[in-house]
């Protein structure tokens, strides 16, 4: 009973903080916008400048940030569950960087930068890396092999980012590609918002449906097999779900790291190890974290925008070092 009460308190606080963050994200910026303009821009169809700014710029950006954060939180939770390792997340397995690399190739070839094109490029890059990870998981995933997967993922991350940088320099697109590597939502549109809403919602539903199996898998392969669950099959399904989710997050927010590392850890501390709770809360808190990081990215050096990856890394690097030290011990 006490645990349920704590969960509801945590949920209520998280929703309140999120609503406050969404309001601040819409109202704050180079142009300060009041509550009345926000309301009339939603319910009306006025041609006033402030209301056009809200409808066509700030609301799609806010929704894109929210669902991208949710996607990153959920993919991190799922990866940590199926690998039984608290430092697993898409950017540490090279999946995000693979998506970023193919987008860099898109820029270098001069292909039209539209939401569908960017998503397809990100999906192809994430798919290649995902297949490599799946290859590592094709054998029995004991602790040693999972450690190898993470080491291989970090090696791929570094390699793909190096290739991305080289492509940027050779194609004279270093500034644009550098923006992708650093992460940000400066050019978010309704197309981006719709993409992450659809893929994020579908991914969240699938994750919730598989939450109980992830619970069992997190106890170890032997336990899962004894309960009639095929660990390799579940890992394969989860990884195949993570690939388009990561691609959508990269296509919308570029290369943003550490959200999938930080959020599942916080959620487990607050609501326990049950992934039926962890996954929805990871989605919610991922959205909260990225919403406030985006506000900071827009306002700290206003009118210039800071890459959002700086803020997530500022929180995530110490977090990672603490977790890595615990794992070693």
C-alpha atoms as a PDB file:
ATOM      1  CA  UNK A   1       0.000   0.000   0.000  1.00  0.00           C
ATOM      2  CA  UNK A   2       2.796   2.413   0.905  1.00  0.00           C
ATOM      3  CA  UNK A   3       4.590   1.624  -2.348  1.00  0.00           C
ATOM      4  CA  UNK A   4       1.422   2.384  -4.340  1.00  0.00           C
ATOM      5  CA  UNK A   5       1.010   5.669  -2.474  1.00  0.00           C
ATOM      6  CA  UNK A   6       4.582   6.656  -3.265  1.00  0.00           C
ATOM      7  CA  UNK A   7       4.003   5.761  -6.913  1.00  0.00           C
ATOM      8  CA  UNK A   8       0.926   7.991  -7.126  1.00  0.00           C
ATOM      9  CA  UNK A   9       2.761  10.856  -5.420  1.00  0.00           C
ATOM     10  CA  UNK A  10       5.642  10.469  -7.851  1.00  0.00           C
ATOM     11  CA  UNK A  11       3.213  10.363 -10.788  1.00  0.00           C
ATOM     12  CA  UNK A  12       1.395  13.481  -9.624  1.00  0.00           C
ATOM     13  CA  UNK A  13       4.625  15.426  -9.098  1.00  0.00           C
ATOM     14  CA  UNK A  14       5.978  14.321 -12.475  1.00  0.00           C
ATOM     15  CA  UNK A  15       2.824  15.391 -14.314  1.00  0.00           C
ATOM     16  CA  UNK A  16       2.801  18.774 -12.545  1.00  0.00           C
ATOM     17  CA  UNK A  17       6.483  19.392 -13.371  1.00  0.00           C
ATOM     18  CA  UNK A  18       5.852  18.344 -16.990  1.00  0.00           C
ATOM     19  CA  UNK A  19       2.837  20.657 -17.408  1.00  0.00           C
ATOM     20  CA  UNK A  20       4.836  23.533 -15.943  1.00  0.00           C
ATOM     21  CA  UNK A  21       7.715  22.752 -18.303  1.00  0.00           C
ATOM     22  CA  UNK A  22       5.416  22.626 -21.331  1.00  0.00           C
ATOM     23  CA  UNK A  23       3.946  26.006 -20.422  1.00  0.00           C
ATOM     24  CA  UNK A  24       7.398  27.539 -19.957  1.00  0.00           C
ATOM     25  CA  UNK A  25       8.621  26.039 -23.227  1.00  0.00           C
ATOM     26  CA  UNK A  26       5.736  27.603 -25.152  1.00  0.00           C
ATOM     27  CA  UNK A  27       5.785  30.988 -23.425  1.00  0.00           C
ATOM     28  CA  UNK A  28       9.510  31.709 -23.031  1.00  0.00           C
ATOM     29  CA  UNK A  29      11.911  32.721 -25.770  1.00  0.00           C
ATOM     30  CA  UNK A  30      13.082  35.729 -27.729  1.00  0.00           C
ATOM     31  CA  UNK A  31       9.401  36.734 -27.854  1.00  0.00           C
ATOM     32  CA  UNK A  32       7.672  36.409 -24.465  1.00  0.00           C
ATOM     33  CA  UNK A  33       4.106  35.156 -24.894  1.00  0.00           C
ATOM     34  CA  UNK A  34       1.264  35.403 -22.386  1.00  0.00           C
ATOM     35  CA  UNK A  35      -1.337  32.836 -21.355  1.00  0.00           C
ATOM     36  CA  UNK A  36      -4.120  34.484 -23.374  1.00  0.00           C
ATOM     37  CA  UNK A  37      -2.132  34.295 -26.625  1.00  0.00           C
ATOM     38  CA  UNK A  38      -1.322  30.632 -25.942  1.00  0.00           C
ATOM     39  CA  UNK A  39      -5.003  29.865 -25.345  1.00  0.00           C
ATOM     40  CA  UNK A  40      -6.310  31.721 -28.406  1.00  0.00           C
ATOM     41  CA  UNK A  41      -3.642  30.179 -30.632  1.00  0.00           C
ATOM     42  CA  UNK A  42      -4.947  26.728 -29.652  1.00  0.00           C
ATOM     43  CA  UNK A  43      -8.713  27.350 -29.845  1.00  0.00           C
ATOM     44  CA  UNK A  44      -8.723  30.040 -32.544  1.00  0.00           C
ATOM     45  CA  UNK A  45      -7.223  30.645 -35.962  1.00  0.00           C
ATOM     46  CA  UNK A  46      -5.971  34.200 -35.665  1.00  0.00           C
ATOM     47  CA  UNK A  47      -3.314  35.579 -37.960  1.00  0.00           C
ATOM     48  CA  UNK A  48      -1.552  37.492 -35.214  1.00  0.00           C
ATOM     49  CA  UNK A  49       2.212  37.047 -35.160  1.00  0.00           C
ATOM     50  CA  UNK A  50       2.409  35.649 -31.610  1.00  0.00           C
ATOM     51  CA  UNK A  51      -0.290  33.072 -32.273  1.00  0.00           C
ATOM     52  CA  UNK A  52       1.302  31.980 -35.557  1.00  0.00           C
ATOM     53  CA  UNK A  53       4.608  31.621 -33.685  1.00  0.00           C
ATOM     54  CA  UNK A  54       2.927  29.391 -31.098  1.00  0.00           C
ATOM     55  CA  UNK A  55       1.024  27.218 -33.582  1.00  0.00           C
ATOM     56  CA  UNK A  56       3.719  26.752 -36.202  1.00  0.00           C
ATOM     57  CA  UNK A  57       6.961  26.926 -34.211  1.00  0.00           C
ATOM     58  CA  UNK A  58       6.704  26.445 -30.470  1.00  0.00           C
ATOM     59  CA  UNK A  59       3.932  23.845 -30.112  1.00  0.00           C
ATOM     60  CA  UNK A  60       5.427  21.446 -32.719  1.00  0.00           C
ATOM     61  CA  UNK A  61       8.828  21.897 -31.102  1.00  0.00           C
ATOM     62  CA  UNK A  62       7.444  21.236 -27.610  1.00  0.00           C
ATOM     63  CA  UNK A  63       5.649  18.075 -28.769  1.00  0.00           C
ATOM     64  CA  UNK A  64       8.730  16.878 -30.655  1.00  0.00           C
ATOM     65  CA  UNK A  65      10.916  17.388 -27.581  1.00  0.00           C
ATOM     66  CA  UNK A  66       8.396  15.683 -25.290  1.00  0.00           C
ATOM     67  CA  UNK A  67       7.999  12.529 -27.372  1.00  0.00           C
ATOM     68  CA  UNK A  68      11.686  12.325 -28.287  1.00  0.00           C
ATOM     69  CA  UNK A  69      12.543  12.392 -24.584  1.00  0.00           C
ATOM     70  CA  UNK A  70       9.914   9.729 -23.966  1.00  0.00           C
ATOM     71  CA  UNK A  71      11.331   7.522 -26.715  1.00  0.00           C
ATOM     72  CA  UNK A  72      14.868   7.845 -25.350  1.00  0.00           C
ATOM     73  CA  UNK A  73      13.703   7.017 -21.820  1.00  0.00           C
ATOM     74  CA  UNK A  74      11.770   3.924 -22.920  1.00  0.00           C
ATOM     75  CA  UNK A  75      14.482   2.562 -25.222  1.00  0.00           C
ATOM     76  CA  UNK A  76      17.013   2.937 -22.410  1.00  0.00           C
ATOM     77  CA  UNK A  77      14.723   1.087 -19.990  1.00  0.00           C
ATOM     78  CA  UNK A  78      14.125  -1.744 -22.449  1.00  0.00           C
ATOM     79  CA  UNK A  79      17.815  -2.141 -23.268  1.00  0.00           C
ATOM     80  CA  UNK A  80      18.802  -2.188 -19.609  1.00  0.00           C
ATOM     81  CA  UNK A  81      16.130  -4.796 -18.965  1.00  0.00           C
ATOM     82  CA  UNK A  82      17.087  -7.212 -21.740  1.00  0.00           C
ATOM     83  CA  UNK A  83      20.849  -6.857 -21.186  1.00  0.00           C
ATOM     84  CA  UNK A  84      20.636  -6.727 -17.369  1.00  0.00           C
ATOM     85  CA  UNK A  85      23.143  -3.880 -17.433  1.00  0.00           C
ATOM     86  CA  UNK A  86      22.422  -0.408 -15.972  1.00  0.00           C
ATOM     87  CA  UNK A  87      24.660   1.428 -18.427  1.00  0.00           C
ATOM     88  CA  UNK A  88      23.003   0.161 -21.617  1.00  0.00           C
ATOM     89  CA  UNK A  89      21.288   2.718 -23.858  1.00  0.00           C
ATOM     90  CA  UNK A  90      21.009   3.270 -27.656  1.00  0.00           C
ATOM     91  CA  UNK A  91      23.879   5.748 -27.880  1.00  0.00           C
ATOM     92  CA  UNK A  92      26.197   3.354 -26.006  1.00  0.00           C
ATOM     93  CA  UNK A  93      25.425   0.555 -28.453  1.00  0.00           C
ATOM     94  CA  UNK A  94      26.230   2.723 -31.473  1.00  0.00           C
ATOM     95  CA  UNK A  95      22.632   2.728 -32.726  1.00  0.00           C
ATOM     96  CA  UNK A  96      22.172   6.509 -32.431  1.00  0.00           C
ATOM     97  CA  UNK A  97      25.582   7.195 -33.958  1.00  0.00           C
ATOM     98  CA  UNK A  98      24.887   4.824 -36.847  1.00  0.00           C
ATOM     99  CA  UNK A  99      21.706   6.749 -37.599  1.00  0.00           C
ATOM    100  CA  UNK A 100      23.630  10.039 -37.399  1.00  0.00           C
ATOM    101  CA  UNK A 101      26.279   8.714 -39.798  1.00  0.00           C
ATOM    102  CA  UNK A 102      23.769   7.899 -42.544  1.00  0.00           C
ATOM    103  CA  UNK A 103      22.135  11.315 -42.109  1.00  0.00           C
ATOM    104  CA  UNK A 104      25.592  12.875 -42.594  1.00  0.00           C
ATOM    105  CA  UNK A 105      25.909  10.913 -45.840  1.00  0.00           C
ATOM    106  CA  UNK A 106      22.497  12.318 -46.826  1.00  0.00           C
ATOM    107  CA  UNK A 107      23.800  15.860 -46.318  1.00  0.00           C
ATOM    108  CA  UNK A 108      27.030  15.113 -48.203  1.00  0.00           C
ATOM    109  CA  UNK A 109      25.146  13.752 -51.224  1.00  0.00           C
ATOM    110  CA  UNK A 110      22.951  16.844 -51.357  1.00  0.00           C
ATOM    111  CA  UNK A 111      19.711  14.866 -51.002  1.00  0.00           C
ATOM    112  CA  UNK A 112      16.667  16.893 -50.008  1.00  0.00           C
ATOM    113  CA  UNK A 113      16.428  17.158 -46.197  1.00  0.00           C
ATOM    114  CA  UNK A 114      12.795  16.310 -45.503  1.00  0.00           C
ATOM    115  CA  UNK A 115      11.322  14.517 -42.494  1.00  0.00           C
ATOM    116  CA  UNK A 116      10.680  11.249 -44.427  1.00  0.00           C
ATOM    117  CA  UNK A 117      14.167  11.285 -45.984  1.00  0.00           C
ATOM    118  CA  UNK A 118      15.867  11.947 -42.674  1.00  0.00           C
ATOM    119  CA  UNK A 119      13.854   9.220 -40.938  1.00  0.00           C
ATOM    120  CA  UNK A 120      14.669   6.673 -43.667  1.00  0.00           C
ATOM    121  CA  UNK A 121      18.369   7.549 -43.439  1.00  0.00           C
ATOM    122  CA  UNK A 122      18.303   7.318 -39.642  1.00  0.00           C
ATOM    123  CA  UNK A 123      16.422   4.020 -39.820  1.00  0.00           C
ATOM    124  CA  UNK A 124      18.980   2.491 -42.189  1.00  0.00           C
ATOM    125  CA  UNK A 125      21.855   3.531 -39.938  1.00  0.00           C
ATOM    126  CA  UNK A 126      20.121   2.302 -36.807  1.00  0.00           C
ATOM    127  CA  UNK A 127      19.192  -0.954 -38.556  1.00  0.00           C
ATOM    128  CA  UNK A 128      22.799  -1.766 -39.487  1.00  0.00           C
ATOM    129  CA  UNK A 129      23.970  -1.195 -35.909  1.00  0.00           C
ATOM    130  CA  UNK A 130      20.968  -3.033 -34.530  1.00  0.00           C
ATOM    131  CA  UNK A 131      21.755  -6.065 -36.675  1.00  0.00           C
ATOM    132  CA  UNK A 132      25.328  -6.051 -35.366  1.00  0.00           C
ATOM    133  CA  UNK A 133      24.023  -6.014 -31.782  1.00  0.00           C
ATOM    134  CA  UNK A 134      21.559  -8.784 -32.635  1.00  0.00           C
ATOM    135  CA  UNK A 135      24.485 -10.809 -33.979  1.00  0.00           C
ATOM    136  CA  UNK A 136      26.216 -10.477 -30.611  1.00  0.00           C
ATOM    137  CA  UNK A 137      23.021 -11.574 -28.867  1.00  0.00           C
ATOM    138  CA  UNK A 138      22.563 -14.628 -31.074  1.00  0.00           C
ATOM    139  CA  UNK A 139      24.527 -16.652 -28.548  1.00  0.00           C
ATOM    140  CA  UNK A 140      23.584 -17.150 -24.933  1.00  0.00           C
ATOM    141  CA  UNK A 141      23.681 -13.699 -23.321  1.00  0.00           C
ATOM    142  CA  UNK A 142      25.608 -14.313 -20.142  1.00  0.00           C
ATOM    143  CA  UNK A 143      27.228 -11.476 -18.227  1.00  0.00           C
ATOM    144  CA  UNK A 144      30.499 -11.787 -20.114  1.00  0.00           C
ATOM    145  CA  UNK A 145      28.895 -11.626 -23.578  1.00  0.00           C
ATOM    146  CA  UNK A 146      26.734  -8.655 -22.565  1.00  0.00           C
ATOM    147  CA  UNK A 147      29.853  -6.819 -21.404  1.00  0.00           C
ATOM    148  CA  UNK A 148      31.374  -7.525 -24.801  1.00  0.00           C
ATOM    149  CA  UNK A 149      28.252  -6.137 -26.476  1.00  0.00           C
ATOM    150  CA  UNK A 150      28.580  -2.868 -24.556  1.00  0.00           C
ATOM    151  CA  UNK A 151      32.296  -2.601 -25.318  1.00  0.00           C
ATOM    152  CA  UNK A 152      31.651  -3.295 -29.006  1.00  0.00           C
ATOM    153  CA  UNK A 153      28.823  -0.733 -28.954  1.00  0.00           C
ATOM    154  CA  UNK A 154      31.065   1.964 -27.516  1.00  0.00           C
ATOM    155  CA  UNK A 155      33.703   1.158 -30.125  1.00  0.00           C
ATOM    156  CA  UNK A 156      31.092   1.463 -32.880  1.00  0.00           C
ATOM    157  CA  UNK A 157      29.877   4.755 -31.399  1.00  0.00           C
ATOM    158  CA  UNK A 158      33.355   6.259 -31.558  1.00  0.00           C
ATOM    159  CA  UNK A 159      34.007   4.884 -35.036  1.00  0.00           C
ATOM    160  CA  UNK A 160      30.721   6.138 -36.497  1.00  0.00           C
ATOM    161  CA  UNK A 161      31.140   9.606 -34.977  1.00  0.00           C
ATOM    162  CA  UNK A 162      34.652   9.766 -36.424  1.00  0.00           C
ATOM    163  CA  UNK A 163      33.299   8.852 -39.865  1.00  0.00           C
ATOM    164  CA  UNK A 164      30.534  11.437 -39.452  1.00  0.00           C
ATOM    165  CA  UNK A 165      33.094  14.148 -38.674  1.00  0.00           C
ATOM    166  CA  UNK A 166      35.243  13.139 -41.631  1.00  0.00           C
ATOM    167  CA  UNK A 167      32.253  13.244 -43.994  1.00  0.00           C
ATOM    168  CA  UNK A 168      31.382  16.711 -42.705  1.00  0.00           C
ATOM    169  CA  UNK A 169      34.888  18.003 -43.375  1.00  0.00           C
ATOM    170  CA  UNK A 170      35.215  16.442 -46.834  1.00  0.00           C
ATOM    171  CA  UNK A 171      31.780  17.623 -47.969  1.00  0.00           C
ATOM    172  CA  UNK A 172      32.051  21.157 -46.552  1.00  0.00           C
ATOM    173  CA  UNK A 173      28.981  20.409 -44.448  1.00  0.00           C
ATOM    174  CA  UNK A 174      30.821  20.372 -41.130  1.00  0.00           C
ATOM    175  CA  UNK A 175      28.625  23.003 -39.509  1.00  0.00           C
ATOM    176  CA  UNK A 176      25.334  21.304 -40.363  1.00  0.00           C
ATOM    177  CA  UNK A 177      26.618  17.844 -39.471  1.00  0.00           C
ATOM    178  CA  UNK A 178      28.157  19.205 -36.275  1.00  0.00           C
ATOM    179  CA  UNK A 179      24.703  20.427 -35.300  1.00  0.00           C
ATOM    180  CA  UNK A 180      23.388  16.885 -35.748  1.00  0.00           C
ATOM    181  CA  UNK A 181      26.164  15.404 -33.642  1.00  0.00           C
ATOM    182  CA  UNK A 182      25.536  17.897 -30.814  1.00  0.00           C
ATOM    183  CA  UNK A 183      21.759  17.470 -30.853  1.00  0.00           C
ATOM    184  CA  UNK A 184      18.951  19.997 -30.887  1.00  0.00           C
ATOM    185  CA  UNK A 185      15.417  20.853 -31.995  1.00  0.00           C
ATOM    186  CA  UNK A 186      16.024  24.207 -33.665  1.00  0.00           C
ATOM    187  CA  UNK A 187      14.201  23.307 -36.901  1.00  0.00           C
ATOM    188  CA  UNK A 188      11.475  21.051 -35.476  1.00  0.00           C
ATOM    189  CA  UNK A 189       8.251  21.114 -37.515  1.00  0.00           C
ATOM    190  CA  UNK A 190       4.798  19.565 -37.352  1.00  0.00           C
ATOM    191  CA  UNK A 191       6.112  16.748 -39.565  1.00  0.00           C
ATOM    192  CA  UNK A 192       8.731  15.928 -36.932  1.00  0.00           C
ATOM    193  CA  UNK A 193       6.132  16.112 -34.170  1.00  0.00           C
ATOM    194  CA  UNK A 194       3.729  13.788 -35.980  1.00  0.00           C
ATOM    195  CA  UNK A 195       6.542  11.314 -36.708  1.00  0.00           C
ATOM    196  CA  UNK A 196       7.717  11.013 -33.089  1.00  0.00           C
ATOM    197  CA  UNK A 197       4.137  10.975 -31.755  1.00  0.00           C
ATOM    198  CA  UNK A 198       3.158   8.037 -33.980  1.00  0.00           C
ATOM    199  CA  UNK A 199       6.354   6.024 -33.549  1.00  0.00           C
ATOM    200  CA  UNK A 200       6.734   6.922 -29.874  1.00  0.00           C
ATOM    201  CA  UNK A 201       3.155   5.923 -29.045  1.00  0.00           C
ATOM    202  CA  UNK A 202       3.409   2.649 -30.980  1.00  0.00           C
ATOM    203  CA  UNK A 203       6.752   1.859 -29.331  1.00  0.00           C
ATOM    204  CA  UNK A 204       5.401   2.654 -25.874  1.00  0.00           C
ATOM    205  CA  UNK A 205       2.409   0.349 -26.386  1.00  0.00           C
ATOM    206  CA  UNK A 206       4.662  -2.491 -27.551  1.00  0.00           C
ATOM    207  CA  UNK A 207       7.028  -1.931 -24.620  1.00  0.00           C
ATOM    208  CA  UNK A 208       4.147  -2.066 -22.134  1.00  0.00           C
ATOM    209  CA  UNK A 209       2.853  -5.277 -23.723  1.00  0.00           C
ATOM    210  CA  UNK A 210       6.297  -6.882 -23.297  1.00  0.00           C
ATOM    211  CA  UNK A 211       6.975  -5.387 -19.863  1.00  0.00           C
ATOM    212  CA  UNK A 212       6.238  -8.581 -17.937  1.00  0.00           C
ATOM    213  CA  UNK A 213       8.525 -10.610 -20.210  1.00  0.00           C
ATOM    214  CA  UNK A 214      11.287  -8.028 -19.682  1.00  0.00           C
ATOM    215  CA  UNK A 215      10.708  -8.448 -15.926  1.00  0.00           C
ATOM    216  CA  UNK A 216      11.347 -12.179 -16.245  1.00  0.00           C
ATOM    217  CA  UNK A 217      14.277 -11.703 -18.623  1.00  0.00           C
ATOM    218  CA  UNK A 218      15.936  -9.292 -16.206  1.00  0.00           C
ATOM    219  CA  UNK A 219      16.093 -12.137 -13.672  1.00  0.00           C
ATOM    220  CA  UNK A 220      18.347 -14.171 -15.958  1.00  0.00           C
ATOM    221  CA  UNK A 221      18.063 -16.494 -18.936  1.00  0.00           C
ATOM    222  CA  UNK A 222      17.795 -19.622 -16.799  1.00  0.00           C
ATOM    223  CA  UNK A 223      14.762 -18.230 -14.972  1.00  0.00           C
ATOM    224  CA  UNK A 224      13.176 -17.150 -18.257  1.00  0.00           C
ATOM    225  CA  UNK A 225      13.689 -20.568 -19.870  1.00  0.00           C
ATOM    226  CA  UNK A 226      12.281 -22.322 -16.810  1.00  0.00           C
ATOM    227  CA  UNK A 227       9.115 -20.220 -17.219  1.00  0.00           C
ATOM    228  CA  UNK A 228       8.740 -21.129 -20.882  1.00  0.00           C
ATOM    229  CA  UNK A 229      10.132 -17.884 -22.357  1.00  0.00           C
ATOM    230  CA  UNK A 230      12.686 -17.826 -25.148  1.00  0.00           C
ATOM    231  CA  UNK A 231      15.217 -15.131 -24.127  1.00  0.00           C
ATOM    232  CA  UNK A 232      16.744 -14.756 -27.600  1.00  0.00           C
ATOM    233  CA  UNK A 233      13.324 -14.252 -29.197  1.00  0.00           C
ATOM    234  CA  UNK A 234      12.327 -11.576 -26.674  1.00  0.00           C
ATOM    235  CA  UNK A 235      15.649  -9.749 -27.107  1.00  0.00           C
ATOM    236  CA  UNK A 236      15.236  -9.866 -30.876  1.00  0.00           C
ATOM    237  CA  UNK A 237      11.709  -8.405 -30.730  1.00  0.00           C
ATOM    238  CA  UNK A 238      12.746  -5.654 -28.318  1.00  0.00           C
ATOM    239  CA  UNK A 239      15.802  -4.704 -30.393  1.00  0.00           C
ATOM    240  CA  UNK A 240      13.725  -4.637 -33.582  1.00  0.00           C
ATOM    241  CA  UNK A 241      11.303  -2.285 -31.806  1.00  0.00           C
ATOM    242  CA  UNK A 242      14.130  -0.093 -30.529  1.00  0.00           C
ATOM    243  CA  UNK A 243      15.560   0.455 -34.038  1.00  0.00           C
ATOM    244  CA  UNK A 244      12.693   2.571 -35.508  1.00  0.00           C
ATOM    245  CA  UNK A 245      12.207   4.322 -32.156  1.00  0.00           C
ATOM    246  CA  UNK A 246      15.861   5.352 -32.051  1.00  0.00           C
ATOM    247  CA  UNK A 247      15.720   6.369 -35.711  1.00  0.00           C
ATOM    248  CA  UNK A 248      12.754   8.651 -35.008  1.00  0.00           C
ATOM    249  CA  UNK A 249      14.511  10.195 -31.993  1.00  0.00           C
ATOM    250  CA  UNK A 250      17.658  10.882 -34.039  1.00  0.00           C
ATOM    251  CA  UNK A 251      15.689  12.210 -37.015  1.00  0.00           C
ATOM    252  CA  UNK A 252      13.838  14.659 -34.753  1.00  0.00           C
ATOM    253  CA  UNK A 253      16.399  15.587 -32.081  1.00  0.00           C
ATOM    254  CA  UNK A 254      19.694  14.552 -33.655  1.00  0.00           C
ATOM    255  CA  UNK A 255      22.322  12.721 -31.574  1.00  0.00           C
ATOM    256  CA  UNK A 256      21.207  13.133 -27.948  1.00  0.00           C
ATOM    257  CA  UNK A 257      22.927  10.897 -25.420  1.00  0.00           C
ATOM    258  CA  UNK A 258      22.522   9.889 -21.778  1.00  0.00           C
ATOM    259  CA  UNK A 259      18.734  10.318 -21.478  1.00  0.00           C
ATOM    260  CA  UNK A 260      18.263   6.565 -21.847  1.00  0.00           C
ATOM    261  CA  UNK A 261      20.969   6.035 -19.225  1.00  0.00           C
ATOM    262  CA  UNK A 262      19.760   8.491 -16.584  1.00  0.00           C
ATOM    263  CA  UNK A 263      15.987   8.097 -16.659  1.00  0.00           C
ATOM    264  CA  UNK A 264      15.635   4.300 -16.117  1.00  0.00           C
ATOM    265  CA  UNK A 265      18.014   4.540 -13.134  1.00  0.00           C
ATOM    266  CA  UNK A 266      15.924   7.266 -11.487  1.00  0.00           C
ATOM    267  CA  UNK A 267      12.695   5.400 -12.189  1.00  0.00           C
ATOM    268  CA  UNK A 268      13.985   2.156 -10.673  1.00  0.00           C
ATOM    269  CA  UNK A 269      15.069   3.995  -7.520  1.00  0.00           C
ATOM    270  CA  UNK A 270      11.633   5.589  -7.132  1.00  0.00           C
ATOM    271  CA  UNK A 271       9.139   2.914  -8.245  1.00  0.00           C
ATOM    272  CA  UNK A 272      11.098  -0.349  -8.055  1.00  0.00           C
ATOM    273  CA  UNK A 273      12.152  -2.994 -10.565  1.00  0.00           C
ATOM    274  CA  UNK A 274       8.761  -3.742 -12.141  1.00  0.00           C
ATOM    275  CA  UNK A 275       8.973  -2.801 -15.825  1.00  0.00           C
ATOM    276  CA  UNK A 276       5.179  -2.580 -16.025  1.00  0.00           C
ATOM    277  CA  UNK A 277       5.651   0.639 -14.034  1.00  0.00           C
ATOM    278  CA  UNK A 278       9.169   1.500 -15.167  1.00  0.00           C
ATOM    279  CA  UNK A 279       8.385   1.787 -18.865  1.00  0.00           C
ATOM    280  CA  UNK A 280       5.491   4.316 -18.633  1.00  0.00           C
ATOM    281  CA  UNK A 281       7.409   6.324 -16.016  1.00  0.00           C
ATOM    282  CA  UNK A 282      10.558   6.242 -18.173  1.00  0.00           C
ATOM    283  CA  UNK A 283       8.530   7.722 -21.025  1.00  0.00           C
ATOM    284  CA  UNK A 284       7.107  10.429 -18.772  1.00  0.00           C
ATOM    285  CA  UNK A 285      10.384  11.383 -17.096  1.00  0.00           C
ATOM    286  CA  UNK A 286      12.292  11.238 -20.382  1.00  0.00           C
ATOM    287  CA  UNK A 287       9.891  13.858 -21.697  1.00  0.00           C
ATOM    288  CA  UNK A 288      10.315  15.951 -18.538  1.00  0.00           C
ATOM    289  CA  UNK A 289      14.121  15.868 -18.666  1.00  0.00           C
ATOM    290  CA  UNK A 290      14.357  16.773 -22.337  1.00  0.00           C
ATOM    291  CA  UNK A 291      11.698  19.498 -22.033  1.00  0.00           C
ATOM    292  CA  UNK A 292      13.702  21.346 -19.380  1.00  0.00           C
ATOM    293  CA  UNK A 293      16.996  20.672 -21.197  1.00  0.00           C
ATOM    294  CA  UNK A 294      15.496  22.242 -24.316  1.00  0.00           C
ATOM    295  CA  UNK A 295      14.333  25.289 -22.353  1.00  0.00           C
ATOM    296  CA  UNK A 296      17.868  25.697 -21.019  1.00  0.00           C
ATOM    297  CA  UNK A 297      19.330  25.243 -24.509  1.00  0.00           C
ATOM    298  CA  UNK A 298      17.126  28.043 -25.840  1.00  0.00           C
ATOM    299  CA  UNK A 299      17.483  30.551 -23.005  1.00  0.00           C
ATOM    300  CA  UNK A 300      20.927  30.359 -21.396  1.00  0.00           C
ATOM    301  CA  UNK A 301      22.701  32.155 -24.271  1.00  0.00           C
ATOM    302  CA  UNK A 302      19.614  33.803 -25.725  1.00  0.00           C
ATOM    303  CA  UNK A 303      19.240  34.698 -28.598  1.00  0.00           C
ATOM    304  CA  UNK A 304      21.755  31.967 -29.554  1.00  0.00           C
ATOM    305  CA  UNK A 305      20.790  28.350 -29.082  1.00  0.00           C
ATOM    306  CA  UNK A 306      23.064  25.910 -27.258  1.00  0.00           C
ATOM    307  CA  UNK A 307      23.185  22.253 -28.430  1.00  0.00           C
ATOM    308  CA  UNK A 308      20.926  20.264 -26.137  1.00  0.00           C
ATOM    309  CA  UNK A 309      23.418  17.390 -25.993  1.00  0.00           C
ATOM    310  CA  UNK A 310      25.662  19.556 -23.821  1.00  0.00           C
ATOM    311  CA  UNK A 311      23.041  19.650 -21.067  1.00  0.00           C
ATOM    312  CA  UNK A 312      22.221  15.936 -21.162  1.00  0.00           C
ATOM    313  CA  UNK A 313      25.949  15.126 -21.169  1.00  0.00           C
ATOM    314  CA  UNK A 314      26.555  17.500 -18.251  1.00  0.00           C
ATOM    315  CA  UNK A 315      24.132  15.405 -16.194  1.00  0.00           C
ATOM    316  CA  UNK A 316      24.868  12.051 -17.798  1.00  0.00           C
ATOM    317  CA  UNK A 317      28.672  11.837 -17.675  1.00  0.00           C
ATOM    318  CA  UNK A 318      28.930  11.929 -13.839  1.00  0.00           C
ATOM    319  CA  UNK A 319      25.971   9.537 -13.733  1.00  0.00           C
ATOM    320  CA  UNK A 320      27.754   7.137 -16.067  1.00  0.00           C
ATOM    321  CA  UNK A 321      31.030   7.285 -14.112  1.00  0.00           C
ATOM    322  CA  UNK A 322      29.245   6.437 -10.850  1.00  0.00           C
ATOM    323  CA  UNK A 323      27.408   3.505 -12.464  1.00  0.00           C
ATOM    324  CA  UNK A 324      30.548   2.227 -14.173  1.00  0.00           C
ATOM    325  CA  UNK A 325      32.412   2.308 -10.871  1.00  0.00           C
ATOM    326  CA  UNK A 326      29.633   0.318  -9.176  1.00  0.00           C
ATOM    327  CA  UNK A 327      29.649  -2.224 -11.992  1.00  0.00           C
ATOM    328  CA  UNK A 328      33.376  -2.696 -11.609  1.00  0.00           C
ATOM    329  CA  UNK A 329      32.909  -3.316  -7.924  1.00  0.00           C
END
